[in-house]
Amino acid sequence: MEFGETAEETIEREMMEEYGAPIYDRKLFWIIENFIDFPDRKVHELGMFFLVNLPRDHSIYHHVEEFQGMEEGFVNRWIDIDELDQYTVIPEFVASEIRHLDHTTGVKHIKNRAVR
């Protein structure tokens, strides 16, 4: 986030900067409290996860293999939801929670505790 920017403005800006993808609809669906115990420090982090809609004809949907966004050092890939267990997904709760995603309900508050 940039100073003065709302979470909604941040996700819109980031999707445009990273993928050239305009968001035409977004909904906050998870608020996450991450309690992470690193070897050298403890972190309490708050995160907001959004469900977004992009234009159906956007090029992001045409990738079959790994693809590069506009930011260096990150590789992206569409993964079938049934294959998530074959990958390391961080935060860890995402793989299980996304299978039960119900976008018709309100915001879900998740408390995640991890040791890394």
N, C-alpha and C. Protein backbone atom coordinates (compact mmCIF):
# COMPACT_ATOMS: atom_id res chain seq x y z
N MET A 1 0.84 -1.18 0.00
CA MET A 1 0.00 0.00 0.00
C MET A 1 0.88 1.24 0.00
N GLU A 2 0.39 2.23 -0.65
CA GLU A 2 1.05 3.52 -0.59
C GLU A 2 0.28 4.39 0.40
N PHE A 3 0.98 5.31 1.04
CA PHE A 3 0.35 6.14 2.06
C PHE A 3 -0.88 6.85 1.50
N GLY A 4 -1.98 6.77 2.24
CA GLY A 4 -3.21 7.43 1.84
C GLY A 4 -4.08 6.60 0.91
N GLU A 5 -3.60 5.45 0.50
CA GLU A 5 -4.31 4.60 -0.45
C GLU A 5 -5.17 3.60 0.32
N THR A 6 -6.40 3.42 -0.10
CA THR A 6 -7.26 2.42 0.53
C THR A 6 -6.89 1.03 0.00
N ALA A 7 -7.37 0.00 0.68
CA ALA A 7 -7.11 -1.37 0.23
C ALA A 7 -7.69 -1.60 -1.16
N GLU A 8 -8.87 -1.05 -1.42
CA GLU A 8 -9.49 -1.20 -2.74
C GLU A 8 -8.65 -0.52 -3.82
N GLU A 9 -8.15 0.66 -3.53
CA GLU A 9 -7.30 1.36 -4.49
C GLU A 9 -5.99 0.61 -4.72
N THR A 10 -5.47 0.02 -3.66
CA THR A 10 -4.22 -0.74 -3.78
C THR A 10 -4.38 -1.94 -4.71
N ILE A 11 -5.43 -2.73 -4.53
CA ILE A 11 -5.60 -3.94 -5.37
C ILE A 11 -5.81 -3.52 -6.83
N GLU A 12 -6.52 -2.44 -7.05
CA GLU A 12 -6.73 -1.97 -8.42
C GLU A 12 -5.41 -1.52 -9.05
N ARG A 13 -4.63 -0.75 -8.31
CA ARG A 13 -3.34 -0.27 -8.82
C ARG A 13 -2.38 -1.43 -9.06
N GLU A 14 -2.29 -2.34 -8.09
CA GLU A 14 -1.36 -3.46 -8.22
C GLU A 14 -1.71 -4.36 -9.40
N MET A 15 -2.97 -4.66 -9.62
CA MET A 15 -3.34 -5.51 -10.76
C MET A 15 -3.01 -4.82 -12.08
N MET A 16 -3.15 -3.51 -12.12
CA MET A 16 -2.81 -2.78 -13.34
C MET A 16 -1.29 -2.76 -13.53
N GLU A 17 -0.55 -2.49 -12.44
CA GLU A 17 0.91 -2.43 -12.54
C GLU A 17 1.52 -3.79 -12.85
N GLU A 18 1.02 -4.85 -12.23
CA GLU A 18 1.61 -6.18 -12.36
C GLU A 18 1.21 -6.89 -13.65
N TYR A 19 -0.06 -6.71 -14.06
CA TYR A 19 -0.58 -7.49 -15.18
C TYR A 19 -1.24 -6.65 -16.27
N GLY A 20 -1.31 -5.35 -16.09
CA GLY A 20 -2.02 -4.52 -17.05
C GLY A 20 -3.50 -4.86 -17.07
N ALA A 21 -4.01 -5.32 -15.94
CA ALA A 21 -5.39 -5.81 -15.86
C ALA A 21 -6.26 -4.86 -15.05
N PRO A 22 -7.22 -4.23 -15.70
CA PRO A 22 -8.15 -3.39 -14.94
C PRO A 22 -9.18 -4.26 -14.21
N ILE A 23 -9.52 -3.86 -13.01
CA ILE A 23 -10.54 -4.57 -12.23
C ILE A 23 -11.85 -3.84 -12.44
N TYR A 24 -12.90 -4.58 -12.78
CA TYR A 24 -14.19 -3.92 -12.90
C TYR A 24 -15.12 -4.26 -11.75
N ASP A 25 -14.70 -5.18 -10.90
CA ASP A 25 -15.50 -5.49 -9.71
C ASP A 25 -14.57 -6.15 -8.70
N ARG A 26 -14.76 -5.86 -7.42
CA ARG A 26 -13.96 -6.46 -6.38
C ARG A 26 -14.79 -6.56 -5.11
N LYS A 27 -14.47 -7.60 -4.32
CA LYS A 27 -15.19 -7.80 -3.06
C LYS A 27 -14.20 -8.31 -2.03
N LEU A 28 -14.14 -7.65 -0.88
CA LEU A 28 -13.32 -8.12 0.23
C LEU A 28 -13.97 -9.39 0.77
N PHE A 29 -13.20 -10.50 0.84
CA PHE A 29 -13.81 -11.73 1.34
C PHE A 29 -13.05 -12.37 2.49
N TRP A 30 -11.79 -12.07 2.70
CA TRP A 30 -11.05 -12.55 3.87
C TRP A 30 -10.30 -11.40 4.51
N ILE A 31 -10.35 -11.34 5.82
CA ILE A 31 -9.42 -10.53 6.60
C ILE A 31 -8.60 -11.54 7.38
N ILE A 32 -7.30 -11.47 7.20
CA ILE A 32 -6.40 -12.46 7.77
C ILE A 32 -5.54 -11.83 8.85
N GLU A 33 -5.47 -12.50 9.98
CA GLU A 33 -4.49 -12.15 11.00
C GLU A 33 -3.44 -13.25 10.96
N ASN A 34 -2.27 -12.92 10.49
CA ASN A 34 -1.15 -13.86 10.46
C ASN A 34 -0.28 -13.64 11.68
N PHE A 35 -0.08 -14.69 12.45
CA PHE A 35 0.86 -14.68 13.56
C PHE A 35 2.00 -15.59 13.12
N ILE A 36 3.12 -15.00 12.77
CA ILE A 36 4.22 -15.78 12.20
C ILE A 36 5.41 -15.73 13.14
N ASP A 37 5.90 -16.92 13.47
CA ASP A 37 7.05 -17.04 14.37
C ASP A 37 8.27 -17.40 13.53
N PHE A 38 9.05 -16.38 13.17
CA PHE A 38 10.30 -16.57 12.45
C PHE A 38 11.40 -16.86 13.47
N PRO A 39 12.51 -17.47 13.05
CA PRO A 39 13.60 -17.73 14.00
C PRO A 39 14.13 -16.48 14.69
N ASP A 40 14.09 -15.34 14.01
CA ASP A 40 14.68 -14.12 14.58
C ASP A 40 13.67 -13.06 15.01
N ARG A 41 12.37 -13.30 14.79
CA ARG A 41 11.37 -12.30 15.17
C ARG A 41 9.96 -12.89 15.10
N LYS A 42 9.05 -12.21 15.74
CA LYS A 42 7.64 -12.58 15.68
C LYS A 42 6.89 -11.47 14.95
N VAL A 43 5.95 -11.85 14.09
CA VAL A 43 5.23 -10.88 13.27
C VAL A 43 3.72 -11.10 13.44
N HIS A 44 3.01 -10.00 13.63
CA HIS A 44 1.55 -10.01 13.62
C HIS A 44 1.15 -9.14 12.45
N GLU A 45 0.60 -9.77 11.42
CA GLU A 45 0.31 -9.09 10.16
C GLU A 45 -1.19 -9.15 9.88
N LEU A 46 -1.74 -8.07 9.37
CA LEU A 46 -3.13 -8.06 8.93
C LEU A 46 -3.15 -8.01 7.41
N GLY A 47 -3.97 -8.85 6.81
CA GLY A 47 -4.07 -8.87 5.36
C GLY A 47 -5.52 -8.86 4.91
N MET A 48 -5.76 -8.24 3.78
CA MET A 48 -7.09 -8.21 3.19
C MET A 48 -7.02 -8.89 1.83
N PHE A 49 -7.87 -9.88 1.64
CA PHE A 49 -7.91 -10.64 0.39
C PHE A 49 -9.20 -10.30 -0.34
N PHE A 50 -9.06 -10.02 -1.63
CA PHE A 50 -10.21 -9.63 -2.45
C PHE A 50 -10.49 -10.66 -3.53
N LEU A 51 -11.74 -10.84 -3.83
CA LEU A 51 -12.19 -11.57 -5.01
C LEU A 51 -12.40 -10.51 -6.07
N VAL A 52 -11.74 -10.66 -7.22
CA VAL A 52 -11.82 -9.62 -8.25
C VAL A 52 -12.32 -10.20 -9.57
N ASN A 53 -12.90 -9.35 -10.36
CA ASN A 53 -13.29 -9.70 -11.72
C ASN A 53 -12.49 -8.84 -12.67
N LEU A 54 -11.94 -9.50 -13.68
CA LEU A 54 -11.19 -8.83 -14.73
C LEU A 54 -11.95 -8.98 -16.03
N PRO A 55 -11.66 -8.16 -17.02
CA PRO A 55 -12.30 -8.34 -18.32
C PRO A 55 -12.05 -9.74 -18.87
N ARG A 56 -13.08 -10.42 -19.31
CA ARG A 56 -12.98 -11.81 -19.77
C ARG A 56 -12.02 -11.99 -20.95
N ASP A 57 -11.82 -10.95 -21.72
CA ASP A 57 -10.95 -11.07 -22.89
C ASP A 57 -9.51 -10.65 -22.59
N HIS A 58 -9.19 -10.42 -21.32
CA HIS A 58 -7.83 -9.99 -20.97
C HIS A 58 -6.83 -11.12 -21.23
N SER A 59 -5.64 -10.76 -21.64
CA SER A 59 -4.61 -11.75 -22.00
C SER A 59 -4.15 -12.62 -20.84
N ILE A 60 -4.39 -12.21 -19.60
CA ILE A 60 -3.97 -13.00 -18.44
C ILE A 60 -4.62 -14.39 -18.46
N TYR A 61 -5.79 -14.50 -19.06
CA TYR A 61 -6.51 -15.78 -19.10
C TYR A 61 -5.97 -16.74 -20.16
N HIS A 62 -5.12 -16.27 -21.06
CA HIS A 62 -4.65 -17.09 -22.17
C HIS A 62 -3.38 -17.87 -21.87
N HIS A 63 -2.81 -17.68 -20.68
CA HIS A 63 -1.58 -18.38 -20.33
C HIS A 63 -1.87 -19.81 -19.92
N VAL A 64 -1.05 -20.73 -20.44
CA VAL A 64 -1.20 -22.14 -20.12
C VAL A 64 -0.07 -22.58 -19.19
N GLU A 65 1.12 -22.11 -19.44
CA GLU A 65 2.29 -22.43 -18.62
C GLU A 65 2.63 -21.25 -17.72
N GLU A 66 3.79 -21.29 -17.10
CA GLU A 66 4.25 -20.17 -16.28
C GLU A 66 4.35 -18.91 -17.13
N PHE A 67 4.05 -17.77 -16.51
CA PHE A 67 4.16 -16.51 -17.23
C PHE A 67 4.70 -15.44 -16.30
N GLN A 68 5.35 -14.49 -16.89
CA GLN A 68 5.98 -13.38 -16.17
C GLN A 68 4.99 -12.23 -16.13
N GLY A 69 4.82 -11.65 -14.95
CA GLY A 69 4.07 -10.41 -14.84
C GLY A 69 5.00 -9.27 -15.19
N MET A 70 4.62 -8.08 -14.83
CA MET A 70 5.46 -6.92 -15.13
C MET A 70 6.53 -6.68 -14.07
N GLU A 71 6.43 -7.38 -12.94
CA GLU A 71 7.41 -7.21 -11.87
C GLU A 71 8.44 -8.33 -11.94
N GLU A 72 9.70 -7.96 -11.92
CA GLU A 72 10.79 -8.92 -12.00
C GLU A 72 10.82 -9.84 -10.78
N GLY A 73 11.23 -11.08 -11.00
CA GLY A 73 11.45 -12.00 -9.89
C GLY A 73 10.25 -12.84 -9.50
N PHE A 74 9.11 -12.61 -10.11
CA PHE A 74 7.92 -13.39 -9.79
C PHE A 74 7.46 -14.15 -11.01
N VAL A 75 7.13 -15.40 -10.80
CA VAL A 75 6.59 -16.22 -11.88
C VAL A 75 5.17 -16.58 -11.50
N ASN A 76 4.27 -16.55 -12.45
CA ASN A 76 2.86 -16.81 -12.22
C ASN A 76 2.44 -18.04 -13.00
N ARG A 77 1.42 -18.69 -12.50
CA ARG A 77 0.89 -19.86 -13.20
C ARG A 77 -0.52 -20.14 -12.68
N TRP A 78 -1.42 -20.43 -13.60
CA TRP A 78 -2.76 -20.85 -13.22
C TRP A 78 -2.67 -22.30 -12.75
N ILE A 79 -3.27 -22.59 -11.63
CA ILE A 79 -3.26 -23.95 -11.08
C ILE A 79 -4.69 -24.39 -10.86
N ASP A 80 -4.99 -25.59 -11.33
CA ASP A 80 -6.31 -26.16 -11.09
C ASP A 80 -6.49 -26.35 -9.59
N ILE A 81 -7.66 -26.03 -9.09
CA ILE A 81 -7.90 -26.10 -7.65
C ILE A 81 -7.64 -27.51 -7.09
N ASP A 82 -7.85 -28.54 -7.90
CA ASP A 82 -7.61 -29.91 -7.45
C ASP A 82 -6.13 -30.25 -7.37
N GLU A 83 -5.26 -29.40 -7.90
CA GLU A 83 -3.81 -29.64 -7.88
C GLU A 83 -3.08 -28.81 -6.82
N LEU A 84 -3.80 -28.02 -6.04
CA LEU A 84 -3.16 -27.13 -5.08
C LEU A 84 -2.27 -27.85 -4.07
N ASP A 85 -2.65 -29.05 -3.68
CA ASP A 85 -1.86 -29.79 -2.68
C ASP A 85 -0.47 -30.17 -3.20
N GLN A 86 -0.25 -30.07 -4.49
CA GLN A 86 1.05 -30.40 -5.07
C GLN A 86 2.03 -29.22 -4.98
N TYR A 87 1.57 -28.08 -4.48
CA TYR A 87 2.38 -26.86 -4.44
C TYR A 87 2.47 -26.33 -3.02
N THR A 88 3.52 -25.57 -2.77
CA THR A 88 3.64 -24.87 -1.51
C THR A 88 2.96 -23.52 -1.68
N VAL A 89 1.86 -23.34 -0.99
CA VAL A 89 1.10 -22.09 -1.06
C VAL A 89 1.24 -21.39 0.29
N ILE A 90 1.67 -20.13 0.24
CA ILE A 90 1.82 -19.35 1.46
C ILE A 90 0.97 -18.09 1.32
N PRO A 91 0.15 -17.79 2.31
CA PRO A 91 -0.01 -18.49 3.57
C PRO A 91 -0.68 -19.85 3.38
N GLU A 92 -0.36 -20.75 4.29
CA GLU A 92 -0.73 -22.16 4.17
C GLU A 92 -2.24 -22.40 4.13
N PHE A 93 -3.02 -21.59 4.79
CA PHE A 93 -4.47 -21.80 4.87
C PHE A 93 -5.17 -21.61 3.53
N VAL A 94 -4.55 -20.92 2.59
CA VAL A 94 -5.21 -20.57 1.33
C VAL A 94 -5.68 -21.81 0.57
N ALA A 95 -4.85 -22.85 0.49
CA ALA A 95 -5.21 -24.05 -0.28
C ALA A 95 -6.49 -24.68 0.24
N SER A 96 -6.66 -24.78 1.54
CA SER A 96 -7.88 -25.39 2.07
C SER A 96 -9.06 -24.42 2.04
N GLU A 97 -8.84 -23.17 2.37
CA GLU A 97 -9.93 -22.19 2.42
C GLU A 97 -10.52 -21.91 1.04
N ILE A 98 -9.68 -21.89 0.02
CA ILE A 98 -10.17 -21.53 -1.31
C ILE A 98 -11.13 -22.60 -1.86
N ARG A 99 -10.99 -23.81 -1.39
CA ARG A 99 -11.90 -24.89 -1.82
C ARG A 99 -13.32 -24.69 -1.28
N HIS A 100 -13.44 -23.92 -0.21
CA HIS A 100 -14.74 -23.71 0.44
C HIS A 100 -15.19 -22.26 0.31
N LEU A 101 -14.63 -21.57 -0.65
CA LEU A 101 -14.94 -20.16 -0.85
C LEU A 101 -16.40 -19.97 -1.22
N ASP A 102 -17.08 -19.17 -0.44
CA ASP A 102 -18.48 -18.83 -0.72
C ASP A 102 -18.56 -17.32 -0.85
N HIS A 103 -18.57 -16.84 -2.06
CA HIS A 103 -18.54 -15.39 -2.28
C HIS A 103 -19.89 -14.72 -2.05
N THR A 104 -20.91 -15.49 -1.65
CA THR A 104 -22.21 -14.90 -1.38
C THR A 104 -22.35 -14.47 0.08
N THR A 105 -21.42 -14.89 0.93
CA THR A 105 -21.49 -14.53 2.34
C THR A 105 -20.64 -13.29 2.60
N GLY A 106 -20.62 -12.86 3.83
CA GLY A 106 -19.83 -11.69 4.21
C GLY A 106 -18.36 -12.03 4.33
N VAL A 107 -17.63 -11.10 4.89
CA VAL A 107 -16.19 -11.22 5.05
C VAL A 107 -15.90 -12.25 6.13
N LYS A 108 -14.93 -13.13 5.87
CA LYS A 108 -14.51 -14.13 6.84
C LYS A 108 -13.21 -13.68 7.49
N HIS A 109 -13.18 -13.75 8.81
CA HIS A 109 -11.98 -13.39 9.57
C HIS A 109 -11.24 -14.68 9.90
N ILE A 110 -9.99 -14.78 9.44
CA ILE A 110 -9.18 -15.99 9.65
C ILE A 110 -7.99 -15.64 10.49
N LYS A 111 -7.74 -16.49 11.49
CA LYS A 111 -6.54 -16.34 12.32
C LYS A 111 -5.58 -17.45 11.93
N ASN A 112 -4.42 -17.09 11.45
CA ASN A 112 -3.45 -18.05 10.93
C ASN A 112 -2.18 -17.99 11.77
N ARG A 113 -1.78 -19.13 12.30
CA ARG A 113 -0.55 -19.20 13.08
C ARG A 113 0.43 -20.09 12.33
N ALA A 114 1.64 -19.57 12.12
CA ALA A 114 2.64 -20.32 11.35
C ALA A 114 4.02 -20.14 11.97
N VAL A 115 4.82 -21.17 11.81
CA VAL A 115 6.23 -21.12 12.21
C VAL A 115 7.03 -21.28 10.95
N ARG A 116 7.97 -20.36 10.72
CA ARG A 116 8.80 -20.46 9.51
C ARG A 116 10.25 -20.34 9.87
